[in-house]
Protein backbone atom coordinates (compact mmCIF):
# COMPACT_ATOMS: atom_id res chain seq x y z
CA MET A 1 6.36 -53.64 -12.33
CA LYS A 2 3.76 -56.63 -12.40
CA THR A 3 5.99 -60.09 -11.15
CA LYS A 4 7.52 -60.94 -8.00
CA GLU A 5 10.70 -61.29 -9.78
CA GLU A 6 10.47 -57.56 -10.96
CA ALA A 7 9.91 -56.65 -7.10
CA VAL A 8 12.46 -58.69 -5.89
CA GLY A 9 15.02 -57.78 -8.47
CA PHE A 10 14.23 -54.18 -7.81
CA CYS A 11 14.69 -54.75 -4.11
CA LEU A 12 17.88 -56.00 -4.28
CA THR A 13 19.34 -53.06 -5.94
CA TYR A 14 19.31 -51.56 -2.76
CA PRO A 15 22.61 -51.91 -0.50
CA ASP A 16 22.62 -54.71 2.57
CA ALA A 17 18.79 -55.55 0.94
CA TYR A 18 18.62 -59.96 0.83
CA GLU A 19 15.78 -62.25 0.20
CA ASP A 20 14.12 -64.17 2.90
CA TYR A 21 11.34 -66.92 3.00
CA PRO A 22 10.63 -66.98 6.70
CA PHE A 23 7.20 -68.60 6.43
CA GLU A 24 6.02 -72.39 5.79
CA GLY A 25 5.55 -73.03 2.25
CA GLY A 26 7.49 -70.14 0.83
CA GLU A 27 4.58 -68.45 -0.62
CA TRP A 28 6.10 -65.05 1.11
CA THR A 29 9.41 -63.53 -0.07
CA VAL A 30 10.72 -60.92 2.69
CA MET A 31 13.05 -58.47 1.82
CA ARG A 32 15.19 -57.54 4.39
CA HIS A 33 18.38 -55.30 5.60
CA LYS A 34 21.20 -57.76 6.49
CA SER A 35 22.57 -55.35 9.08
CA ASN A 36 19.34 -55.26 11.38
CA LYS A 37 16.76 -58.21 10.21
CA LYS A 38 14.11 -55.48 9.33
CA SER A 39 11.94 -56.15 6.75
CA PHE A 40 11.06 -53.35 4.10
CA CYS A 41 8.92 -55.25 1.68
CA LEU A 42 6.65 -58.29 1.94
CA ILE A 43 5.65 -59.74 -1.39
CA PHE A 44 2.75 -62.43 -2.03
CA GLU A 45 0.26 -63.68 -4.44
CA ARG A 46 -3.43 -62.98 -3.25
CA GLU A 47 -6.64 -62.90 -5.45
CA GLY A 48 -4.31 -63.53 -8.51
CA ARG A 49 -2.26 -60.74 -8.22
CA ILE A 50 1.15 -60.03 -6.86
CA TRP A 51 0.95 -57.35 -3.83
CA LEU A 52 3.71 -55.65 -1.83
CA ASN A 53 3.43 -54.55 1.76
CA LEU A 54 5.25 -51.56 2.38
CA LYS A 55 6.17 -49.53 5.73
CA CYS A 56 5.04 -46.04 5.05
CA GLU A 57 4.71 -42.65 6.98
CA PRO A 58 1.30 -42.39 8.25
CA MET A 59 0.45 -39.19 6.65
CA ARG A 60 1.90 -40.52 3.27
CA ALA A 61 0.17 -43.89 3.54
CA ASP A 62 -3.27 -42.07 3.86
CA PHE A 63 -2.35 -39.85 0.83
CA LEU A 64 -1.49 -42.84 -1.26
CA ARG A 65 -4.64 -44.81 -0.22
CA ARG A 66 -6.59 -42.07 -1.85
CA ALA A 67 -4.63 -41.53 -4.78
CA TYR A 68 -4.47 -44.89 -5.95
CA LEU A 69 -6.93 -47.60 -5.59
CA ALA A 70 -4.53 -50.47 -5.43
CA VAL A 71 -3.06 -49.04 -2.68
CA ILE A 72 -4.96 -50.20 0.54
CA PRO A 73 -4.18 -50.73 4.56
CA ALA A 74 -1.70 -53.39 4.45
CA TYR A 75 -2.92 -56.91 4.47
CA HIS A 76 -1.66 -59.01 7.88
CA MET A 77 0.27 -55.80 8.81
CA ASN A 78 -0.22 -52.63 11.11
CA LYS A 79 -2.70 -50.49 8.95
CA VAL A 80 -1.27 -47.21 10.09
CA HIS A 81 2.58 -47.91 9.28
CA TRP A 82 2.26 -50.35 6.10
CA ASN A 83 0.35 -50.19 3.02
CA SER A 84 -0.32 -52.99 0.60
CA VAL A 85 0.04 -52.30 -3.35
CA ILE A 86 -1.71 -54.77 -5.84
CA LEU A 87 0.36 -54.82 -8.76
CA ASP A 88 -2.36 -54.38 -11.32
CA GLY A 89 -1.13 -51.81 -13.30
CA SER A 90 -2.62 -48.75 -12.34
CA VAL A 91 -0.04 -47.74 -10.12
CA PRO A 92 2.96 -45.97 -12.01
CA GLU A 93 6.14 -47.94 -11.91
CA GLU A 94 8.06 -44.92 -10.92
CA GLU A 95 5.42 -44.52 -7.86
CA ILE A 96 5.91 -48.08 -6.87
CA GLU A 97 9.79 -47.96 -6.74
CA SER A 98 9.18 -44.61 -4.61
CA MET A 99 7.08 -46.39 -2.17
CA ILE A 100 9.86 -49.20 -1.90
CA THR A 101 12.51 -46.43 -1.47
CA HIS A 102 10.36 -44.97 1.41
CA SER A 103 9.84 -48.29 2.98
CA TYR A 104 13.57 -49.38 2.69
CA GLU A 105 14.59 -45.81 4.04
CA LEU A 106 12.14 -46.11 6.93
CA THR A 107 13.29 -49.46 7.96
CA SER A 108 17.26 -48.90 7.53
CA PRO A 109 19.74 -49.08 10.43
CA ARG A 110 19.75 -45.81 12.32
CA ARG A 111 23.02 -44.23 12.99
CA PRO A 112 23.84 -43.33 16.56
CA ALA A 113 23.83 -39.69 17.38
CA PRO A 114 27.03 -37.76 17.67
CA ARG A 115 28.24 -37.77 21.40
CA GLN A 116 28.07 -34.32 22.48
CA LYS A 117 31.38 -33.30 24.88
CA ALA A 118 30.70 -32.62 28.46
CA THR A 119 30.83 -29.06 29.35
CA ARG A 120 32.75 -28.05 32.59
């Protein structure tokens, strides 16, 4: 995965996903869930490369940052819960897809917990 179009196309394979351009100028593509409007992937160009901002569980985020030079604390986002992935070809495509899936799952709408019957 090296282009914005490839990233958008992959994100759109998820149910409930849609593409949004909420910022003036349209340089940032935000992939969201239709049902809760939460972002799971922000796609933008910076320093001549395509970057993805992806939500991530903090311990996994730290592991990925140590494993890949192209995974860093997120640009313009919470540095604990979000990573930026620079699409420079150094991170395997399967790993990028796994990171997108993880972000999608973390931001998915929560189902309400089943109600328990009151005991008398």
